[in-house]
Amino acid sequence: MSYYSYLKKRKSGSSGKFVQMEDIDCKIKPGCIKHPPWPEGICTQCQPKAVTLNQQDYRHTDFVEFESAEIVENFISYWRETGLQRVGFLYGRYDVEGHVPLGIKSIVSFIYEPPQNSDQKSVEFLDDPYHCVVDNIAKLLGLYCVGWIFTDLQALSISDGTVKNLRNGKTFFLSAQECIHAAYFQNKYPSPSNLSKLGKFGSKFVTVCISGNESNTIEMFAYQVSNQCMALVRDNILLPAREHPGLAYVKHSTAEQYVPDVFFREKDEYGNVVTKEARPLPVEYLLLQLPTGTPKDGHKPLLPGGVAPPKFPTVNREALDMEVFKRYYRAQPDEFFLESLSDINVLFFLHTNDTLSFADSLAEICAAVVAQDREAAQNFKESPTWATLEQILAVDTVLTHSNGNTWSCSICTLINDTSKTVCEACGTPKQ
């Protein structure tokens, strides 16, 4: 059931006029003056109530649509080429999902891959000084961060391209650690609501895992965690269990933190519904699964990229410099200048490169991309700023050039003496 169908159902009852959507609260209410603060004292007025977890009846997002299959294929290509896992953030927009009553879908326009360390089984996020740049570019394109995506792939047979079925009902669908990460992101990107005192309730943020299915082929699996899971993570009382990846564990109370009792219900071997303490807790109680897919043929994505090879490299996979851009740009036909700019990696490079930044012109470029305005793109191509870039690209071997007793810096193009191993102006090593 979609969230708005659930709301409609709630509002149709006798008390529907007074519907409020509030999250559970697992923290002691502050400001109680009847006793010393915890752990010296606690009372029924400030003590949080015990929580019984229920599987959520509704979803805040009902479908995850990627504008083109190439978006996903490019993301998976990193694993195909290296055997290492990968993580990225989904940027897109929301629209009506016509196949679900009052449904909402996320439409993904691009995947941004932040700096990361990865191996064959895990990924570690690194500090990202440019995440705000990506958010700014997305905002200019009318997009925002709608989810995150990661791979969990292991080859079964290289010859026929099959992969292992690592996630299923006998193992787990999302690990507890991944559920906690999902809840963290959903708390970071909440949905506004005028039915909540806090002005927010739940989240449309999605989690997409790319792994092997029961047929040993690669498939996308999309999830959200429940509002209750978001609250447990927000209040810092949920941990991954040691026994199994699919089990979580609710903390015990300590002198630093009071933790209320948390329970869940399940059927025993006789079919009776029993209540159990959430130590441990199967994360299936916290998960909501979403369908995923791509639109039918004929749909034109917002950011199709250049029409001719080579493809512009993906940010944070390899070093981007003016020589890389030169090879890409020179390969694109003049009449497809708009398409050559319609690539998040190209826009990122134009904003962040040290040779000639287009940060002040990005709004103009993005407006042309969103409107698919070839005339506006051509006008920008004829601007003095782009003419300067054309002059830089026109210089033969402008990036690294040795000529007798001098060499040209690959970043600032300063002519240095051949005896210098780094550029005297910017410190770039000689190439």
Protein backbone atom coordinates (compact mmCIF):
# COMPACT_ATOMS: atom_id res chain seq x y z
CA MET A 1 0.00 0.00 0.00
CA SER A 2 1.25 3.49 -0.82
CA TYR A 3 1.70 6.00 1.98
CA TYR A 4 -1.03 8.29 0.63
CA SER A 5 -3.45 5.36 0.29
CA TYR A 6 -2.71 4.56 3.93
CA LEU A 7 -3.38 8.18 4.87
CA LYS A 8 -6.64 8.16 2.93
CA LYS A 9 -7.69 5.03 4.78
CA ARG A 10 -6.80 6.58 8.14
CA LYS A 11 -8.66 9.78 7.38
CA SER A 12 -11.80 7.96 6.26
CA GLY A 13 -12.50 6.70 9.80
CA SER A 14 -14.46 8.46 12.51
CA SER A 15 -11.28 9.99 13.95
CA GLY A 16 -9.74 10.78 10.57
CA LYS A 17 -10.10 14.51 11.08
CA PHE A 18 -7.57 14.32 13.93
CA VAL A 19 -4.99 12.02 12.33
CA GLN A 20 -1.40 12.68 13.42
CA MET A 21 1.68 10.88 12.15
CA GLU A 22 4.33 10.59 14.85
CA ASP A 23 7.38 8.37 15.26
CA ILE A 24 8.12 6.29 18.33
CA ASP A 25 10.47 7.95 20.82
CA CYS A 26 13.04 5.85 22.66
CA LYS A 27 14.66 8.65 24.64
CA ILE A 28 13.91 9.93 28.14
CA LYS A 29 11.85 13.11 28.00
CA PRO A 30 14.11 15.97 29.09
CA GLY A 31 13.33 18.50 31.82
CA CYS A 32 11.70 16.26 34.45
CA ILE A 33 12.21 17.87 37.89
CA LYS A 34 10.66 15.15 40.03
CA HIS A 35 13.92 13.25 40.46
CA PRO A 36 17.64 13.38 39.64
CA PRO A 37 18.58 12.69 36.02
CA TRP A 38 19.23 9.16 34.76
CA PRO A 39 20.77 6.87 36.02
CA GLU A 40 19.89 8.19 39.51
CA GLY A 41 16.22 8.50 38.74
CA ILE A 42 13.39 7.95 36.24
CA CYS A 43 9.59 8.13 36.42
CA THR A 44 6.60 7.11 34.34
CA GLN A 45 6.21 10.64 32.96
CA CYS A 46 9.70 10.85 31.46
CA GLN A 47 10.31 7.15 30.78
CA PRO A 48 9.83 6.11 27.13
CA LYS A 49 7.24 3.42 26.58
CA ALA A 50 8.10 -0.15 25.63
CA VAL A 51 8.05 -0.71 21.86
CA THR A 52 6.48 -3.60 20.00
CA LEU A 53 7.69 -3.67 16.41
CA ASN A 54 5.20 -4.25 13.62
CA GLN A 55 5.78 -4.79 9.95
CA GLN A 56 4.84 -1.52 8.23
CA ASP A 57 1.72 -1.61 6.07
CA TYR A 58 2.74 1.15 3.65
CA ARG A 59 5.68 2.43 1.62
CA HIS A 60 6.78 6.02 1.17
CA THR A 61 8.14 5.13 -2.29
CA ASP A 62 6.42 2.56 -4.48
CA PHE A 63 8.77 2.14 -7.45
CA VAL A 64 12.39 2.93 -8.35
CA GLU A 65 12.82 3.77 -12.02
CA PHE A 66 16.20 4.27 -13.67
CA GLU A 67 15.95 6.55 -16.71
CA SER A 68 18.07 4.15 -18.77
CA ALA A 69 19.69 0.76 -18.37
CA GLU A 70 23.05 2.38 -19.19
CA ILE A 71 23.01 4.14 -15.79
CA VAL A 72 23.03 0.79 -14.01
CA GLU A 73 25.34 -0.93 -16.52
CA ASN A 74 27.98 1.76 -16.08
CA PHE A 75 27.80 1.31 -12.32
CA ILE A 76 28.14 -2.48 -12.56
CA SER A 77 31.01 -2.14 -15.05
CA TYR A 78 33.34 -1.24 -12.18
CA TRP A 79 32.80 -4.68 -10.64
CA ARG A 80 33.10 -6.38 -14.04
CA GLU A 81 36.46 -4.71 -14.66
CA THR A 82 37.98 -4.96 -11.18
CA GLY A 83 36.08 -7.58 -9.18
CA LEU A 84 35.65 -4.97 -6.43
CA GLN A 85 32.36 -3.79 -4.91
CA ARG A 86 31.05 -0.26 -5.45
CA VAL A 87 28.68 2.18 -3.77
CA GLY A 88 26.98 5.29 -5.11
CA PHE A 89 24.25 7.83 -4.47
CA LEU A 90 21.12 8.02 -6.63
CA TYR A 91 20.07 11.45 -7.88
CA GLY A 92 16.71 12.03 -9.48
CA ARG A 93 13.20 13.29 -8.85
CA TYR A 94 9.78 12.04 -7.77
CA ASP A 95 6.70 11.50 -9.89
CA VAL A 96 3.33 9.77 -9.78
CA GLU A 97 3.45 5.97 -10.01
CA GLY A 98 0.42 5.15 -12.13
CA HIS A 99 0.35 1.42 -11.37
CA VAL A 100 -0.15 1.96 -7.62
CA PRO A 101 -3.14 3.90 -6.24
CA LEU A 102 -1.83 7.27 -4.99
CA GLY A 103 1.68 5.91 -5.53
CA ILE A 104 5.01 7.72 -5.84
CA LYS A 105 8.09 6.64 -7.77
CA SER A 106 11.71 7.72 -7.70
CA ILE A 107 13.14 8.46 -11.15
CA VAL A 108 16.94 8.13 -11.12
CA SER A 109 18.87 10.31 -13.57
CA PHE A 110 22.44 9.58 -12.49
CA ILE A 111 24.59 7.76 -9.95
CA TYR A 112 27.35 9.65 -8.17
CA GLU A 113 30.18 7.45 -6.90
CA PRO A 114 31.86 9.14 -3.90
CA PRO A 115 35.50 8.52 -2.88
CA GLN A 116 35.73 5.02 -1.43
CA ASN A 117 37.96 2.08 -0.64
CA SER A 118 36.62 -1.29 -1.67
CA ASP A 119 37.58 -4.93 -1.85
CA GLN A 120 35.77 -8.06 -3.03
CA LYS A 121 33.40 -8.08 -0.05
CA SER A 122 33.05 -4.58 1.38
CA VAL A 123 33.17 -0.84 0.73
CA GLU A 124 34.39 1.98 2.97
CA PHE A 125 33.21 5.56 2.50
CA LEU A 126 35.99 8.18 2.43
CA ASP A 127 35.75 11.90 3.10
CA ASP A 128 34.19 13.67 0.14
CA PRO A 129 35.05 17.37 -0.22
CA TYR A 130 32.98 17.62 -3.42
CA HIS A 131 29.65 16.14 -2.29
CA CYS A 132 28.21 19.65 -1.99
CA VAL A 133 29.30 20.33 -5.58
CA VAL A 134 27.29 17.32 -6.79
CA ASP A 135 24.29 18.46 -4.73
CA ASN A 136 24.56 21.92 -6.29
CA ILE A 137 24.76 20.56 -9.85
CA ALA A 138 21.80 18.27 -9.15
CA LYS A 139 19.80 21.21 -7.79
CA LEU A 140 20.49 23.20 -10.98
CA LEU A 141 19.19 20.19 -12.94
CA GLY A 142 16.05 20.00 -10.79
CA LEU A 143 17.25 16.81 -9.08
CA TYR A 144 18.06 15.71 -5.53
CA CYS A 145 19.50 12.72 -3.72
CA VAL A 146 16.79 10.01 -3.67
CA GLY A 147 18.72 6.93 -2.56
CA TRP A 148 21.92 4.94 -2.45
CA ILE A 149 23.07 1.86 -4.34
CA PHE A 150 25.73 -0.78 -3.80
CA THR A 151 26.91 -4.04 -5.32
CA ASP A 152 27.31 -7.41 -3.63
CA LEU A 153 28.48 -9.57 -6.51
CA GLN A 154 30.62 -12.67 -6.69
CA ALA A 155 31.24 -14.48 -9.96
CA LEU A 156 29.95 -18.04 -10.21
CA SER A 157 31.20 -18.74 -13.75
CA ILE A 158 33.19 -16.23 -15.74
CA SER A 159 32.55 -18.10 -19.00
CA ASP A 160 28.75 -17.71 -18.92
CA GLY A 161 28.59 -14.55 -16.78
CA THR A 162 26.65 -16.04 -13.88
CA VAL A 163 26.94 -14.78 -10.30
CA LYS A 164 26.34 -16.34 -6.90
CA ASN A 165 22.96 -16.05 -5.21
CA LEU A 166 24.21 -14.59 -1.93
CA ARG A 167 20.98 -13.02 -0.65
CA ASN A 168 17.80 -15.02 -0.25
CA GLY A 169 15.32 -16.25 2.33
CA LYS A 170 17.83 -18.72 3.77
CA THR A 171 20.54 -16.08 4.30
CA PHE A 172 19.40 -12.46 4.37
CA PHE A 173 18.15 -9.75 2.02
CA LEU A 174 19.80 -6.77 3.69
CA SER A 175 22.27 -7.15 6.52
CA ALA A 176 21.65 -5.43 9.83
CA GLN A 177 24.54 -3.07 9.14
CA GLU A 178 23.02 -2.13 5.78
CA CYS A 179 19.62 -1.58 7.44
CA ILE A 180 21.26 0.76 9.95
CA HIS A 181 22.95 2.65 7.10
CA ALA A 182 19.61 2.84 5.26
CA ALA A 183 17.90 4.21 8.38
CA TYR A 184 20.69 6.76 8.81
CA PHE A 185 20.18 8.03 5.26
CA GLN A 186 16.38 8.03 5.60
CA ASN A 187 16.72 10.13 8.75
CA LYS A 188 19.05 12.45 6.87
CA TYR A 189 16.53 12.88 4.03
CA PRO A 190 13.08 12.96 5.73
CA SER A 191 9.77 13.62 3.99
CA PRO A 192 7.94 16.83 4.96
CA SER A 193 4.54 16.33 6.60
CA ASN A 194 1.94 18.74 7.95
CA LEU A 195 0.47 15.87 9.99
CA SER A 196 3.50 15.70 12.27
CA LYS A 197 4.42 18.10 15.04
CA LEU A 198 8.01 18.00 13.80
CA GLY A 199 6.98 18.83 10.24
CA LYS A 200 8.46 15.58 8.90
CA PHE A 201 7.51 11.93 8.86
CA GLY A 202 9.20 8.96 7.22
CA SER A 203 11.35 9.24 4.11
CA LYS A 204 11.24 8.49 0.38
CA PHE A 205 14.96 7.67 0.36
CA VAL A 206 15.60 4.19 -1.09
CA THR A 207 18.29 1.52 -0.82
CA VAL A 208 19.19 -0.49 -3.94
CA CYS A 209 21.36 -3.61 -3.78
CA ILE A 210 22.73 -5.23 -6.94
CA SER A 211 23.34 -8.92 -6.37
CA GLY A 212 22.70 -12.36 -7.84
CA ASN A 213 19.17 -13.76 -7.95
CA GLU A 214 17.97 -17.37 -7.78
CA SER A 215 18.73 -17.77 -11.49
CA ASN A 216 22.33 -16.64 -10.86
CA THR A 217 21.92 -13.51 -12.95
CA ILE A 218 22.46 -9.93 -11.83
CA GLU A 219 19.37 -8.18 -10.49
CA MET A 220 18.51 -5.00 -8.60
CA PHE A 221 16.69 -5.25 -5.27
CA ALA A 222 15.23 -2.08 -3.77
CA TYR A 223 14.24 -1.55 -0.15
CA GLN A 224 13.25 0.93 2.50
CA VAL A 225 13.38 0.42 6.25
CA SER A 226 10.34 1.13 8.39
CA ASN A 227 9.71 4.31 10.35
CA GLN A 228 10.25 2.27 13.53
CA CYS A 229 13.71 1.26 12.33
CA MET A 230 14.49 4.90 11.57
CA ALA A 231 13.54 5.80 15.15
CA LEU A 232 15.67 3.00 16.66
CA VAL A 233 18.69 4.18 14.67
CA ARG A 234 17.98 7.86 15.31
CA ASP A 235 17.96 7.19 19.07
CA ASN A 236 21.12 5.09 18.78
CA ILE A 237 19.80 1.86 20.28
CA LEU A 238 20.12 -0.57 17.33
CA LEU A 239 23.31 -2.50 16.56
CA PRO A 240 24.25 -5.32 14.16
CA ALA A 241 24.36 -8.69 15.94
CA ARG A 242 27.47 -10.82 15.91
CA GLU A 243 25.69 -14.12 15.31
CA HIS A 244 24.37 -13.50 11.77
CA PRO A 245 24.38 -10.64 9.22
CA GLY A 246 20.57 -10.69 9.11
CA LEU A 247 20.14 -10.12 12.83
CA ALA A 248 20.14 -6.80 14.70
CA TYR A 249 20.38 -6.27 18.45
CA VAL A 250 18.78 -3.67 20.70
CA LYS A 251 21.17 -2.20 23.25
CA HIS A 252 20.84 -2.74 26.99
CA SER A 253 20.42 0.28 29.24
CA THR A 254 23.65 1.75 30.61
CA ALA A 255 24.53 4.56 32.99
CA GLU A 256 24.85 6.82 29.95
CA GLN A 257 21.63 5.81 28.17
CA TYR A 258 18.26 4.37 29.14
CA VAL A 259 16.89 1.95 26.55
CA PRO A 260 13.22 0.90 26.67
CA ASP A 261 12.14 -2.69 26.15
CA VAL A 262 11.72 -3.54 22.47
CA PHE A 263 9.72 -6.57 21.34
CA PHE A 264 8.61 -8.22 18.13
CA ARG A 265 6.02 -10.90 17.35
CA GLU A 266 6.46 -14.10 15.38
CA LYS A 267 4.85 -17.52 15.06
CA ASP A 268 6.38 -20.46 16.91
CA GLU A 269 6.63 -24.03 15.63
CA TYR A 270 3.00 -24.64 16.64
CA GLY A 271 1.64 -21.63 14.77
CA ASN A 272 1.05 -19.53 17.86
CA VAL A 273 1.91 -15.83 17.80
CA VAL A 274 4.49 -15.16 20.51
CA THR A 275 6.14 -11.95 21.66
CA LYS A 276 9.94 -11.96 21.89
CA GLU A 277 12.53 -9.50 23.07
CA ALA A 278 14.47 -7.87 20.21
CA ARG A 279 17.79 -9.33 21.31
CA PRO A 280 18.37 -10.46 18.61
CA LEU A 281 15.94 -9.06 16.04
CA PRO A 282 15.44 -10.43 12.48
CA VAL A 283 15.77 -7.40 10.22
CA GLU A 284 12.94 -8.66 7.98
CA TYR A 285 10.61 -6.94 10.46
CA LEU A 286 12.19 -3.65 9.49
CA LEU A 287 12.24 -4.05 5.69
CA LEU A 288 9.92 -2.99 2.87
CA GLN A 289 10.73 -4.26 -0.62
CA LEU A 290 10.16 -2.08 -3.71
CA PRO A 291 10.01 -2.99 -7.40
CA THR A 292 12.61 -1.52 -9.77
CA GLY A 293 12.93 -1.12 -13.50
CA THR A 294 13.64 1.07 -16.52
CA PRO A 295 11.16 2.82 -18.84
CA LYS A 296 10.08 1.46 -22.19
CA ASP A 297 12.14 2.11 -25.32
CA GLY A 298 11.88 5.62 -26.67
CA HIS A 299 12.30 7.44 -23.36
CA LYS A 300 15.10 9.99 -23.56
CA PRO A 301 17.10 10.37 -20.35
CA LEU A 302 17.97 13.77 -18.97
CA LEU A 303 21.72 13.10 -19.12
CA PRO A 304 22.41 10.87 -22.15
CA GLY A 305 26.07 11.88 -22.47
CA GLY A 306 28.17 12.17 -25.62
CA VAL A 307 27.08 10.36 -28.76
CA ALA A 308 30.55 9.22 -29.86
CA PRO A 309 33.29 7.27 -28.05
CA PRO A 310 35.30 7.60 -25.92
CA LYS A 311 32.87 7.93 -23.03
CA PHE A 312 33.86 10.53 -20.44
CA PRO A 313 35.28 8.73 -17.37
CA THR A 314 33.25 8.34 -14.18
CA VAL A 315 34.16 10.68 -11.34
CA ASN A 316 36.36 9.13 -8.61
CA ARG A 317 37.28 6.11 -10.72
CA GLU A 318 40.26 7.67 -12.45
CA ALA A 319 42.04 11.01 -12.60
CA LEU A 320 40.27 13.66 -14.68
CA ASP A 321 42.34 16.34 -16.41
CA MET A 322 42.16 18.59 -19.43
CA GLU A 323 43.75 15.98 -21.68
CA VAL A 324 40.97 13.53 -20.83
CA PHE A 325 38.36 16.18 -21.56
CA LYS A 326 40.14 17.10 -24.79
CA ARG A 327 39.96 13.53 -26.12
CA TYR A 328 36.28 13.32 -25.20
CA TYR A 329 35.29 16.73 -26.55
CA ARG A 330 37.15 16.41 -29.85
CA ALA A 331 35.37 13.12 -30.55
CA GLN A 332 31.89 14.66 -30.28
CA PRO A 333 30.23 16.01 -33.44
CA ASP A 334 29.65 19.78 -33.36
CA GLU A 335 25.90 19.40 -33.84
CA PHE A 336 25.72 17.34 -30.62
CA PHE A 337 27.34 19.94 -28.37
CA LEU A 338 24.32 19.87 -26.05
CA GLU A 339 24.60 16.09 -25.63
CA SER A 340 28.33 16.35 -24.95
CA LEU A 341 27.51 18.55 -21.91
CA SER A 342 24.62 16.32 -20.78
CA ASP A 343 26.75 14.12 -18.56
CA ILE A 344 27.09 14.50 -14.78
CA ASN A 345 30.79 13.62 -14.99
CA VAL A 346 31.42 16.33 -17.59
CA LEU A 347 29.50 18.90 -15.54
CA PHE A 348 31.46 17.88 -12.43
CA PHE A 349 34.75 18.29 -14.30
CA LEU A 350 33.81 21.70 -15.70
CA HIS A 351 32.97 22.87 -12.18
CA THR A 352 36.01 21.48 -10.35
CA ASN A 353 38.97 21.51 -12.76
CA ASP A 354 41.83 23.81 -11.81
CA THR A 355 42.68 25.00 -15.30
CA LEU A 356 39.45 26.83 -16.13
CA SER A 357 36.49 26.42 -13.81
CA PHE A 358 32.96 26.92 -15.12
CA ALA A 359 31.43 27.23 -11.65
CA ASP A 360 29.93 30.63 -12.47
CA SER A 361 28.50 29.38 -15.79
CA LEU A 362 27.04 26.13 -14.53
CA ALA A 363 23.52 27.50 -14.07
CA GLU A 364 23.43 28.54 -17.74
CA ILE A 365 24.72 25.14 -18.88
CA CYS A 366 22.29 23.18 -16.71
CA ALA A 367 19.34 25.31 -17.84
CA ALA A 368 20.12 24.42 -21.45
CA VAL A 369 20.46 20.73 -20.56
CA VAL A 370 17.14 20.60 -18.66
CA ALA A 371 15.26 22.47 -21.41
CA GLN A 372 17.06 20.55 -24.18
CA ASP A 373 17.65 23.99 -25.69
CA ARG A 374 20.16 23.63 -28.52
CA GLU A 375 20.09 27.32 -29.29
CA ALA A 376 21.02 28.23 -25.71
CA ALA A 377 23.78 25.61 -25.77
CA GLN A 378 25.14 27.03 -29.02
CA ASN A 379 25.08 30.56 -27.58
CA PHE A 380 27.11 29.32 -24.63
CA LYS A 381 29.55 27.63 -26.99
CA GLU A 382 30.15 31.01 -28.60
CA SER A 383 30.71 32.76 -25.27
CA PRO A 384 34.13 34.20 -24.30
CA THR A 385 34.49 31.65 -21.47
CA TRP A 386 34.09 28.65 -23.78
CA ALA A 387 36.31 30.34 -26.38
CA THR A 388 39.06 30.43 -23.76
CA LEU A 389 38.65 26.70 -23.21
CA GLU A 390 38.81 26.12 -26.96
CA GLN A 391 42.11 28.03 -27.08
CA ILE A 392 43.54 25.85 -24.29
CA LEU A 393 42.45 22.69 -26.06
CA ALA A 394 43.88 23.93 -29.37
CA VAL A 395 47.44 24.05 -28.05
CA ASP A 396 49.26 20.89 -29.10
CA THR A 397 50.29 18.74 -26.09
CA VAL A 398 49.25 21.60 -23.82
CA LEU A 399 49.17 19.38 -20.78
CA THR A 400 52.55 17.71 -20.81
CA HIS A 401 55.14 18.89 -23.28
CA SER A 402 58.93 18.64 -23.24
CA ASN A 403 60.93 20.79 -25.63
CA GLY A 404 64.65 20.87 -25.08
CA ASN A 405 65.30 22.75 -21.88
CA THR A 406 61.65 23.33 -20.86
CA TRP A 407 58.46 21.44 -20.06
CA SER A 408 54.84 22.58 -19.77
CA CYS A 409 52.89 21.95 -16.54
CA SER A 410 49.91 19.62 -16.95
CA ILE A 411 47.74 21.79 -14.68
CA CYS A 412 48.61 25.46 -15.05
CA THR A 413 50.65 25.20 -18.33
CA LEU A 414 53.58 27.18 -16.87
CA ILE A 415 56.82 26.62 -18.82
CA ASN A 416 59.36 25.18 -16.38
CA ASP A 417 63.09 24.52 -16.69
CA THR A 418 63.84 20.87 -17.47
CA SER A 419 65.83 20.57 -14.25
CA LYS A 420 62.67 21.13 -12.19
CA THR A 421 60.80 17.98 -11.15
CA VAL A 422 57.70 19.86 -9.98
CA CYS A 423 56.00 22.98 -11.35
CA GLU A 424 57.32 26.15 -9.74
CA ALA A 425 53.85 27.72 -9.78
CA CYS A 426 51.49 24.98 -8.56
CA GLY A 427 53.73 22.10 -7.45
CA THR A 428 52.42 19.57 -9.96
CA PRO A 429 54.97 16.77 -10.64
CA LYS A 430 56.63 16.68 -14.04
CA GLN A 431 55.13 14.04 -16.32
